Protein backbone atom coordinates (compact mmCIF):
# COMPACT_ATOMS: atom_id res chain seq x y z
CA UNK A 1 -0.13 -0.12 0.00
CA UNK A 2 1.21 3.79 -0.90
CA UNK A 3 0.27 6.79 0.43
CA UNK A 4 1.46 10.60 0.38
CA UNK A 5 3.06 11.84 3.48
CA UNK A 6 1.63 14.61 5.73
CA UNK A 7 4.87 17.47 5.16
CA UNK A 8 4.59 19.40 7.91
CA UNK A 9 5.25 23.36 7.67
CA UNK A 10 9.37 23.67 8.00
CA UNK A 11 10.08 27.19 8.78
CA UNK A 12 13.52 27.90 9.00
CA UNK A 13 15.48 31.45 9.70
CA UNK A 14 17.22 32.99 6.37
CA UNK A 15 20.86 31.86 7.88
CA UNK A 16 19.61 28.54 8.77
CA UNK A 17 17.96 28.54 4.87
CA UNK A 18 21.18 29.62 3.11
CA UNK A 19 23.22 27.08 5.36
CA UNK A 20 21.15 24.07 3.94
CA UNK A 21 20.87 24.91 0.82
CA UNK A 22 24.74 24.74 0.68
CA UNK A 23 25.48 21.46 2.20
CA UNK A 24 25.98 19.25 -0.40
CA UNK A 25 24.68 15.80 -0.83
CA UNK A 26 23.26 14.70 2.78
CA UNK A 27 23.68 11.17 3.75
CA UNK A 28 22.12 10.84 7.51
CA UNK A 29 20.13 12.80 9.68
CA UNK A 30 19.44 12.42 13.48
CA UNK A 31 18.12 14.15 16.76
CA UNK A 32 20.01 14.88 19.52
CA UNK A 33 18.61 13.03 22.71
CA UNK A 34 16.85 16.02 24.11
CA UNK A 35 15.72 16.64 20.71
CA UNK A 36 16.09 20.32 20.57
CA UNK A 37 18.76 20.10 17.84
CA UNK A 38 18.81 18.27 14.61
CA UNK A 39 22.37 17.08 12.76
CA UNK A 40 22.48 16.73 8.93
CA UNK A 41 25.82 15.00 7.42
CA UNK A 42 26.95 16.97 4.49
CA UNK A 43 29.21 14.36 2.66
CA UNK A 44 30.40 16.02 -0.33
CA UNK A 45 31.08 19.48 1.60
CA UNK A 46 33.15 17.80 4.44
CA UNK A 47 30.70 19.40 7.08
CA UNK A 48 28.05 18.93 9.55
CA UNK A 49 25.12 21.10 9.52
CA UNK A 50 23.66 21.33 13.05
CA UNK A 51 20.11 23.14 13.60
CA UNK A 52 17.92 24.13 16.73
CA UNK A 53 14.31 22.09 16.52
CA UNK A 54 11.56 24.00 17.78
CA UNK A 55 7.92 22.66 17.19
CA UNK A 56 5.18 25.69 17.62
CA UNK A 57 1.35 25.22 16.85
CA UNK A 58 0.20 28.30 15.24
CA UNK A 59 -3.82 28.69 14.19
CA UNK A 60 -4.30 25.02 14.77
CA UNK A 61 -1.21 23.85 12.62
CA UNK A 62 1.96 23.13 14.15
CA UNK A 63 4.70 24.61 12.58
CA UNK A 64 8.23 23.48 12.69
CA UNK A 65 10.67 26.00 13.14
CA UNK A 66 14.60 26.63 13.21
CA UNK A 67 16.15 29.89 14.09
CA UNK A 68 20.34 29.15 14.52
CA UNK A 69 22.46 26.37 13.67
CA UNK A 70 26.06 25.93 13.92
CA UNK A 71 28.03 24.55 10.62
CA UNK A 72 31.18 22.41 11.94
CA UNK A 73 34.20 21.22 10.35
CA UNK A 74 37.02 18.80 11.45
CA UNK A 75 40.20 17.85 10.07
CA UNK A 76 39.52 14.25 10.66
CA UNK A 77 36.06 14.77 8.27
CA UNK A 78 36.22 13.06 5.25
CA UNK A 79 33.22 12.39 3.42
CA UNK A 80 30.72 12.15 6.51
CA UNK A 81 28.44 9.75 5.89
CA UNK A 82 26.65 8.38 8.96
CA UNK A 83 25.73 9.95 12.67
CA UNK A 84 24.90 8.89 16.37
CA UNK A 85 24.87 11.33 19.18
CA UNK A 86 26.26 10.17 22.35
CA UNK A 87 24.69 13.04 24.41
CA UNK A 88 23.29 16.35 24.02
CA UNK A 89 26.35 17.63 23.14
CA UNK A 90 28.99 15.04 21.46
CA UNK A 91 28.51 13.15 17.98
CA UNK A 92 29.99 10.12 16.81
CA UNK A 93 30.39 10.44 12.82
CA UNK A 94 31.19 7.97 10.47
CA UNK A 95 33.23 8.88 7.48
CA UNK A 96 33.55 6.99 4.17
CA UNK A 97 37.00 8.01 3.50
CA UNK A 98 38.46 7.49 7.03
CA UNK A 99 37.45 6.09 10.01
CA UNK A 100 34.84 6.99 12.79
CA UNK A 101 35.20 10.45 14.55
CA UNK A 102 34.35 12.01 18.04
CA UNK A 103 33.53 15.51 18.23
CA UNK A 104 32.18 17.87 20.75
CA UNK A 105 29.17 20.22 19.41
CA UNK A 106 29.42 23.36 19.89
CA UNK A 107 25.88 25.74 20.36
CA UNK A 108 23.98 26.77 17.64
CA UNK A 109 23.72 30.67 16.97
CA UNK A 110 21.62 32.70 15.53
CA UNK A 111 24.40 34.17 12.82
CA UNK A 112 25.01 30.72 11.73
CA UNK A 113 28.55 30.38 13.00
CA UNK A 114 30.82 28.23 11.57
CA UNK A 115 32.74 26.36 14.09
CA UNK A 116 36.55 24.30 13.65
CA UNK A 117 36.91 21.42 15.86
CA UNK A 118 39.18 19.21 17.04
CA UNK A 119 38.47 15.17 17.03
CA UNK A 120 37.76 13.70 21.13
CA UNK A 121 38.50 10.55 19.58
CA UNK A 122 39.80 9.48 15.64
CA UNK A 123 39.52 5.71 15.43
CA UNK A 124 41.39 5.27 11.84
CA UNK A 125 41.33 1.93 9.93
CA UNK A 126 44.99 1.43 10.92
CA UNK A 127 44.53 1.27 14.28
CA UNK A 128 41.11 -0.66 14.07
CA UNK A 129 41.08 -2.99 11.54
CA UNK A 130 37.70 -3.83 11.94
CA UNK A 131 36.89 -0.09 10.38
CA UNK A 132 36.99 0.18 6.55
CA UNK A 133 34.93 2.77 5.27
CA UNK A 134 32.36 3.03 7.46
CA UNK A 135 28.88 4.39 5.85
CA UNK A 136 26.69 4.16 9.67
CA UNK A 137 27.14 3.87 13.34
CA UNK A 138 24.76 3.49 16.15
CA UNK A 139 25.81 4.24 20.25
CA UNK A 140 24.36 2.70 23.34
CA UNK A 141 24.92 3.84 26.50
CA UNK A 142 26.49 1.79 29.18
CA UNK A 143 27.25 2.07 32.71
CA UNK A 144 29.86 4.13 33.67
CA UNK A 145 30.69 6.14 31.04
CA UNK A 146 30.81 3.28 28.63
CA UNK A 147 29.77 2.94 25.37
CA UNK A 148 29.02 0.55 22.87
CA UNK A 149 29.38 1.50 19.26
CA UNK A 150 27.97 -0.49 16.27
CA UNK A 151 29.19 0.44 12.68
CA UNK A 152 28.51 -1.04 9.29
CA UNK A 153 31.35 -0.88 6.86
CA UNK A 154 30.89 -0.80 3.43
CA UNK A 155 34.30 -1.44 1.75
CA UNK A 156 34.45 -4.82 4.35
CA UNK A 157 30.74 -5.48 3.95
CA UNK A 158 30.33 -6.23 7.74
CA UNK A 159 29.17 -4.70 11.50
CA UNK A 160 31.71 -3.86 13.62
CA UNK A 161 31.12 -3.48 17.31
CA UNK A 162 33.57 -0.74 19.44
CA UNK A 163 33.57 -0.25 23.25
CA UNK A 164 34.16 3.36 24.31
CA UNK A 165 35.36 4.35 27.69
CA UNK A 166 34.79 8.39 28.40
CA UNK A 167 37.11 9.80 31.16
CA UNK A 168 38.97 12.88 30.37
CA UNK A 169 38.73 12.00 26.70
CA UNK A 170 37.38 9.44 25.20
CA UNK A 171 39.17 5.86 25.14
CA UNK A 172 38.61 2.63 23.29
CA UNK A 173 38.36 -0.33 25.03
CA UNK A 174 38.04 -2.89 22.86
CA UNK A 175 37.44 -3.53 18.81
CA UNK A 176 35.27 -6.82 17.37
CA UNK A 177 33.57 -7.92 14.63
CA UNK A 178 30.04 -8.00 15.11
CA UNK A 179 28.73 -9.44 12.18
CA UNK A 180 30.50 -10.92 9.22
CA UNK A 181 27.74 -11.37 7.17
CA UNK A 182 28.14 -11.13 3.63
CA UNK A 183 26.52 -7.72 3.25
CA UNK A 184 26.12 -6.05 0.11
CA UNK A 185 26.76 -2.61 1.49
CA UNK A 186 25.56 -1.99 4.66
CA UNK A 187 24.44 1.32 4.95
CA UNK A 188 22.38 2.11 8.16
CA UNK A 189 21.94 0.79 11.54
CA UNK A 190 19.94 0.98 14.21
CA UNK A 191 19.47 -0.63 17.87
CA UNK A 192 15.77 -1.50 19.19
CA UNK A 193 14.20 0.30 21.97
CA UNK A 194 15.04 -2.29 24.47
CA UNK A 195 18.56 -3.03 22.69
CA UNK A 196 17.86 -6.64 22.30
CA UNK A 197 17.94 -6.29 18.04
CA UNK A 198 19.63 -4.53 15.73
CA UNK A 199 18.70 -3.77 11.80
CA UNK A 200 21.34 -3.39 8.90
CA UNK A 201 19.77 -1.87 5.64
CA UNK A 202 21.66 -4.21 2.80
CA UNK A 203 22.11 -1.62 0.19
CA UNK A 204 22.61 -4.05 -2.65
CA UNK A 205 20.91 -6.91 -1.06
CA UNK A 206 17.53 -4.75 -1.54
CA UNK A 207 16.76 -5.73 2.13
CA UNK A 208 17.22 -4.72 6.04
CA UNK A 209 18.24 -7.89 8.19
CA UNK A 210 17.26 -7.96 11.73
CA UNK A 211 19.71 -9.80 14.09
CA UNK A 212 19.87 -10.72 18.15
CA UNK A 213 21.98 -7.70 19.88
CA UNK A 214 24.40 -10.72 21.41
CA UNK A 215 27.89 -10.14 22.50
CA UNK A 216 29.67 -12.69 21.49
CA UNK A 217 32.77 -11.80 19.00
CA UNK A 218 32.51 -12.78 14.80
CA UNK A 219 29.96 -15.07 13.94
CA UNK A 220 28.11 -15.58 10.54
CA UNK A 221 24.94 -15.84 12.61
CA UNK A 222 21.89 -15.75 11.15
CA UNK A 223 19.59 -13.19 10.24
CA UNK A 224 15.98 -13.34 12.80
CA UNK A 225 13.89 -11.56 9.78
CA UNK A 226 14.54 -9.83 6.51
CA UNK A 227 12.12 -6.97 5.93
CA UNK A 228 11.69 -6.67 1.33
CA UNK A 229 12.74 -3.67 0.26
CA UNK A 230 12.50 -2.87 -3.50
CA UNK A 231 14.44 0.18 -3.60
CA UNK A 232 17.90 0.82 -2.01
CA UNK A 233 17.62 0.81 1.43
CA UNK A 234 19.86 3.93 3.62
CA UNK A 235 18.64 4.53 6.92
CA UNK A 236 16.49 2.61 9.02
CA UNK A 237 14.75 3.34 12.81
CA UNK A 238 12.86 1.26 15.13
CA UNK A 239 9.94 3.14 16.50
CA UNK A 240 6.66 2.09 18.79
CA UNK A 241 8.01 0.30 20.85
CA UNK A 242 10.19 -1.64 18.19
CA UNK A 243 6.85 -3.03 16.88
CA UNK A 244 7.29 -0.73 13.72
CA UNK A 245 10.32 -0.45 11.49
CA UNK A 246 10.98 2.85 9.19
CA UNK A 247 13.67 2.25 6.36
CA UNK A 248 14.15 5.12 3.67
CA UNK A 249 14.40 4.34 0.08
CA UNK A 250 17.47 6.11 -1.71
CA UNK A 251 16.68 4.78 -5.09
CA UNK A 252 12.77 5.66 -5.07
CA UNK A 253 10.88 8.41 -3.50
CA UNK A 254 9.58 6.38 -0.53
CA UNK A 255 10.11 5.66 3.29
CA UNK A 256 8.86 2.00 4.31
CA UNK A 257 7.08 1.30 6.89
CA UNK A 258 7.37 -2.37 8.61
CA UNK A 259 5.04 -4.04 11.15
CA UNK A 260 6.48 -6.79 13.79
CA UNK A 261 4.08 -9.40 13.57
CA UNK A 262 2.40 -10.72 16.99
CA UNK A 263 5.00 -10.26 19.52
CA UNK A 264 8.12 -10.89 17.47
CA UNK A 265 10.33 -10.22 14.59
CA UNK A 266 10.68 -13.05 12.38
CA UNK A 267 10.50 -14.89 8.63
CA UNK A 268 10.47 -12.43 5.34
CA UNK A 269 8.32 -8.86 6.22
CA UNK A 270 6.88 -6.98 3.23
CA UNK A 271 6.59 -2.92 4.06
CA UNK A 272 3.09 -2.42 5.57
CA UNK A 273 2.78 1.13 3.91
CA UNK A 274 5.16 3.00 1.96
CA UNK A 275 5.22 6.88 2.27
CA UNK A 276 5.67 9.04 -0.20
CA UNK A 277 8.07 11.70 0.28
CA UNK A 278 10.00 13.22 -2.25
CA UNK A 279 7.65 15.45 -4.80
CA UNK A 280 8.58 14.38 -8.38
CA UNK A 281 10.28 16.92 -9.36
CA UNK A 282 12.56 17.07 -6.60
CA UNK A 283 12.73 13.05 -6.91
CA UNK A 284 13.84 13.52 -11.11
CA UNK A 285 16.32 16.08 -10.26
CA UNK A 286 17.96 13.05 -7.74
CA UNK A 287 17.35 10.70 -9.83
CA UNK A 288 20.70 10.32 -11.72
CA UNK A 289 21.09 6.40 -11.56
CA UNK A 290 18.73 3.65 -10.01
CA UNK A 291 20.33 4.32 -6.75
CA UNK A 292 19.88 8.03 -5.97
CA UNK A 293 16.83 10.37 -5.77
CA UNK A 294 15.26 9.16 -2.76
CA UNK A 295 15.77 9.92 0.55
CA UNK A 296 18.72 8.99 2.50
CA UNK A 297 19.09 10.02 5.89
CA UNK A 298 16.14 9.26 8.23
CA UNK A 299 14.79 9.77 11.87
CA UNK A 300 11.94 9.78 14.26
CA UNK A 301 10.77 12.09 16.84
CA UNK A 302 10.96 9.89 20.42
CA UNK A 303 7.23 9.86 21.06
CA UNK A 304 6.76 8.66 17.07
CA UNK A 305 4.81 11.61 16.23
CA UNK A 306 6.59 12.49 13.21
CA UNK A 307 9.98 11.61 11.07
CA UNK A 308 12.24 13.97 9.25
CA UNK A 309 14.42 12.73 6.08
CA UNK A 310 16.88 14.19 3.99
CA UNK A 311 18.89 14.01 0.43
CA UNK A 312 20.80 16.33 -1.59
CA UNK A 313 17.47 17.42 -3.12
CA UNK A 314 15.48 17.88 -0.53
CA UNK A 315 18.08 18.90 2.54
CA UNK A 316 15.10 18.66 5.55
CA UNK A 317 11.64 17.44 5.33
CA UNK A 318 9.78 16.64 8.17
CA UNK A 319 6.21 14.27 8.23
CA UNK A 320 3.51 13.62 10.38
CA UNK A 321 3.46 10.00 11.73
CA UNK A 322 1.00 9.61 14.97
CA UNK A 323 -2.33 8.85 12.52
CA UNK A 324 -0.10 6.12 10.46
CA UNK A 325 1.38 4.70 13.49
CA UNK A 326 -1.99 4.28 15.35
CA UNK A 327 -3.59 2.93 12.18
CA UNK A 328 -0.66 0.10 11.50
CA UNK A 329 -0.66 -0.80 15.62
CA UNK A 330 -4.64 -0.18 15.41
CA UNK A 331 -4.36 1.73 18.51
CA UNK A 332 -7.50 3.80 19.93
CA UNK A 333 -7.56 7.00 18.16
CA UNK A 334 -7.84 8.60 21.59
CA UNK A 335 -4.66 7.13 22.73
CA UNK A 336 -2.82 8.79 19.43
CA UNK A 337 -1.36 11.47 20.57
CA UNK A 338 -1.54 14.52 22.98
CA UNK A 339 -1.33 18.51 23.22
CA UNK A 340 0.40 19.75 20.80
CA UNK A 341 1.17 16.73 19.02
CA UNK A 342 -2.32 16.43 17.83
CA UNK A 343 -1.44 19.36 15.31
CA UNK A 344 0.94 16.92 13.23
CA UNK A 345 -1.80 15.24 11.30
CA UNK A 346 -3.17 18.16 10.18
CA UNK A 347 -2.80 17.65 6.09
CA UNK A 348 -0.69 20.33 4.87
CA UNK A 349 0.41 21.60 1.35
CA UNK A 350 3.65 20.46 0.00
CA UNK A 351 6.31 22.63 1.25
CA UNK A 352 10.09 22.55 0.35
CA UNK A 353 12.22 25.11 3.25
CA UNK A 354 10.41 28.48 2.45
CA UNK A 355 12.00 31.30 3.93
CA UNK A 356 9.80 32.52 6.66
CA UNK A 357 7.45 35.48 6.02
């Protein structure tokens, strides 16, 4: 089943609009843990743009405003492709031509400042042979300032696990191969909300594989579930208590939504619904080959009421998701959302980053 996405109006300041328009090819987008900022990976420009995010109810409609940003560069950036927030002020960046880099994120400013930062940790392939052309990264905080990092590596077609500890700076405790499966260019990774599952998008395999998140090393473990994607899956995200999984389709103008059957993921699953998120003109502009033109980056708000996508032709677009999720999960209408979040279900006219006014 296919449906058109309900686009939310995004109202950036002139400075934020200008920075978005020159960001180039974007590959990933992530909300900060407290969801007041959004990081966007500008791969070809070797930049990360972080913008502030503020939903505002106005005349019965939710408008997402952004009035400040910061553009981040670093000598350790080399085609930044994947992002994950360690905390509200710290990012880990997966660089296609380098490795994993941990950086501090400066505050956003209304005059669109640029900041050059030094890496808090620079994990090079020479230092960790499990890292080769990382494309996506996910982080889970453990106890005692320990962090579990999963990286998808394009060249080696495998996923690696890295244990980091934060003291005065970050230190690597351990590297290991997490999955030695024969992936075909893994481009996205996400950990389930209860941390029991890992989903990895398999770009040329045209599927998303779901694995048990166990800590044993190496191993060609069997996927417990394969989600069929008919294009080229990129960003992935569990939502709704891990009962739904969203994936951005880089080769088609859709975000596909998969639904868990019963109480667990298993077998071969097809999309429950495909949501169109890129207009025809923008899709044609970006569809230079079968693998491009669709959304690349994808993230979902913590309460699941809306999601955001990003690609070169459409650097940022927000879509309501509460009504779709409620329908797929067959939840009572009264339990969908509360407060200003109910405005996210109001259909809005297609609107691509118009300046305020």
